[in-house]
C-alpha cells in the first residue's frame, strides 16, 4: 500500500512515519498542499495524511482539490489545531478522518481499519 504524508515540518513527517502500519510499503512525503495535489494526480496513493496549516496551500484546500477529482480518495487530516471549525471544514471537504498530532493513537485505528479492506 502507498501513503503520502503532507506536512511542512520534516520532524512531524518523520514522527508520522513511525506510526504507520507495516502494510504501507511505499511512503512518500510532500511539504505543501499544492505538491500533494500534483503528487496525488500522478501516483494515487491509498492514503494521504494531510496537515492543515502550510505556507502555500493549506490542507483543506488540497483536500477539496483531490476529492474534487478523486472522490474516493482516503485522506486523514492530521493537525495540531484542536478546533471544531477546522474539523468540520476538513470533513465537509471530504476527509475520511481528523486526528490531532498529540493523539496519534487515533491515526493507528483509522489506518488499521483501512488494512482490513
Protein backbone atom coordinates (compact mmCIF):
# COMPACT_ATOMS: atom_id res chain seq x y z
CA UNK A 1 0.00 0.00 0.00
CA UNK A 2 1.08 3.56 -0.74
CA UNK A 3 0.75 6.51 1.63
CA UNK A 4 1.54 10.19 1.23
CA UNK A 5 2.49 12.30 4.27
CA UNK A 6 1.91 16.03 3.75
CA UNK A 7 3.36 18.40 6.36
CA UNK A 8 5.65 21.41 6.16
CA UNK A 9 7.59 20.19 9.20
CA UNK A 10 10.10 17.42 8.46
CA UNK A 11 10.16 16.27 12.11
CA UNK A 12 6.41 15.75 12.04
CA UNK A 13 6.68 13.79 8.78
CA UNK A 14 9.28 11.54 10.45
CA UNK A 15 7.05 11.11 13.51
CA UNK A 16 4.13 10.09 11.32
CA UNK A 17 6.31 7.53 9.54
CA UNK A 18 6.89 5.87 12.92
CA UNK A 19 3.15 5.40 13.42
CA UNK A 20 2.47 3.73 10.10
CA UNK A 21 1.48 0.07 9.96
CA UNK A 22 3.91 -2.20 8.14
CA UNK A 23 1.35 -2.70 5.37
CA UNK A 24 2.44 0.67 3.94
CA UNK A 25 5.43 -0.37 1.90
CA UNK A 26 5.63 2.84 -0.16
CA UNK A 27 5.83 6.07 1.86
CA UNK A 28 6.06 9.44 0.14
CA UNK A 29 6.30 12.96 1.50
CA UNK A 30 5.32 16.47 0.43
CA UNK A 31 5.73 19.72 2.32
CA UNK A 32 2.77 21.66 0.89
CA UNK A 33 -0.82 21.10 -0.21
CA UNK A 34 -0.12 22.08 -3.81
CA UNK A 35 2.64 19.49 -4.05
CA UNK A 36 0.26 16.93 -2.56
CA UNK A 37 -2.41 17.60 -5.20
CA UNK A 38 0.14 17.17 -8.01
CA UNK A 39 1.58 14.03 -6.42
CA UNK A 40 -1.85 12.51 -5.90
CA UNK A 41 -2.81 13.05 -9.54
CA UNK A 42 0.32 11.19 -10.67
CA UNK A 43 0.51 8.37 -8.12
CA UNK A 44 -2.90 8.00 -6.42
CA UNK A 45 -1.70 6.67 -3.05
CA UNK A 46 -4.04 4.56 -0.92
CA UNK A 47 -3.97 7.13 1.90
CA UNK A 48 -2.96 10.75 2.44
CA UNK A 49 -2.11 12.19 5.85
CA UNK A 50 -2.69 15.92 5.41
CA UNK A 51 -1.61 18.77 7.68
CA UNK A 52 -3.88 21.81 7.90
CA UNK A 53 -1.58 24.82 8.10
CA UNK A 54 1.09 25.00 5.40
CA UNK A 55 2.72 28.02 3.72
CA UNK A 56 1.41 27.91 0.13
CA UNK A 57 -1.76 25.78 0.06
CA UNK A 58 -3.46 24.66 3.25
CA UNK A 59 -4.69 21.13 3.80
CA UNK A 60 -8.40 21.86 3.45
CA UNK A 61 -7.92 23.42 0.02
CA UNK A 62 -5.76 20.45 -1.01
CA UNK A 63 -8.39 18.00 0.24
CA UNK A 64 -11.08 19.78 -1.79
CA UNK A 65 -8.95 19.65 -4.93
CA UNK A 66 -8.05 15.97 -4.54
CA UNK A 67 -11.60 14.87 -3.65
CA UNK A 68 -12.98 17.00 -6.49
CA UNK A 69 -11.08 14.87 -8.98
CA UNK A 70 -10.83 11.61 -7.00
CA UNK A 71 -14.00 11.33 -4.86
CA UNK A 72 -12.99 8.01 -3.28
CA UNK A 73 -9.56 9.21 -2.07
CA UNK A 74 -8.73 8.37 1.54
CA UNK A 75 -7.44 11.47 3.30
CA UNK A 76 -6.98 11.96 7.02
CA UNK A 77 -6.28 15.44 8.33
CA UNK A 78 -3.52 15.35 10.94
CA UNK A 79 -3.14 18.68 12.71
CA UNK A 80 -2.10 20.35 15.95
CA UNK A 81 -5.20 22.57 15.89
CA UNK A 82 -8.00 21.23 18.09
CA UNK A 83 -10.61 23.45 16.51
CA UNK A 84 -14.17 22.34 15.76
CA UNK A 85 -14.44 24.66 12.74
CA UNK A 86 -11.29 23.18 11.15
CA UNK A 87 -12.54 19.65 11.89
CA UNK A 88 -15.90 20.43 10.32
CA UNK A 89 -14.30 22.06 7.23
CA UNK A 90 -11.94 19.11 6.73
CA UNK A 91 -14.71 16.54 6.96
CA UNK A 92 -17.06 18.51 4.70
CA UNK A 93 -14.18 18.90 2.19
CA UNK A 94 -14.04 15.10 2.01
CA UNK A 95 -11.53 14.00 4.65
CA UNK A 96 -12.10 10.45 5.90
CA UNK A 97 -10.84 11.35 9.37
CA UNK A 98 -9.41 14.06 11.60
CA UNK A 99 -6.61 13.35 14.08
CA UNK A 100 -4.68 15.60 16.43
CA UNK A 101 -0.90 15.33 16.32
CA UNK A 102 -0.81 14.86 20.09
CA UNK A 103 -3.13 11.84 19.85
CA UNK A 104 -1.76 9.69 17.04
CA UNK A 105 -3.26 6.53 18.53
CA UNK A 106 -6.46 7.53 16.70
CA UNK A 107 -4.48 7.53 13.47
CA UNK A 108 -3.37 3.97 14.12
CA UNK A 109 -7.03 2.97 14.49
CA UNK A 110 -8.07 4.67 11.24
CA UNK A 111 -5.25 3.09 9.26
CA UNK A 112 -5.74 -0.33 10.89
CA UNK A 113 -9.34 -0.34 9.69
CA UNK A 114 -8.11 0.52 6.21
CA UNK A 115 -5.80 -2.53 6.24
CA UNK A 116 -8.80 -4.82 6.65
CA UNK A 117 -10.45 -3.62 3.41
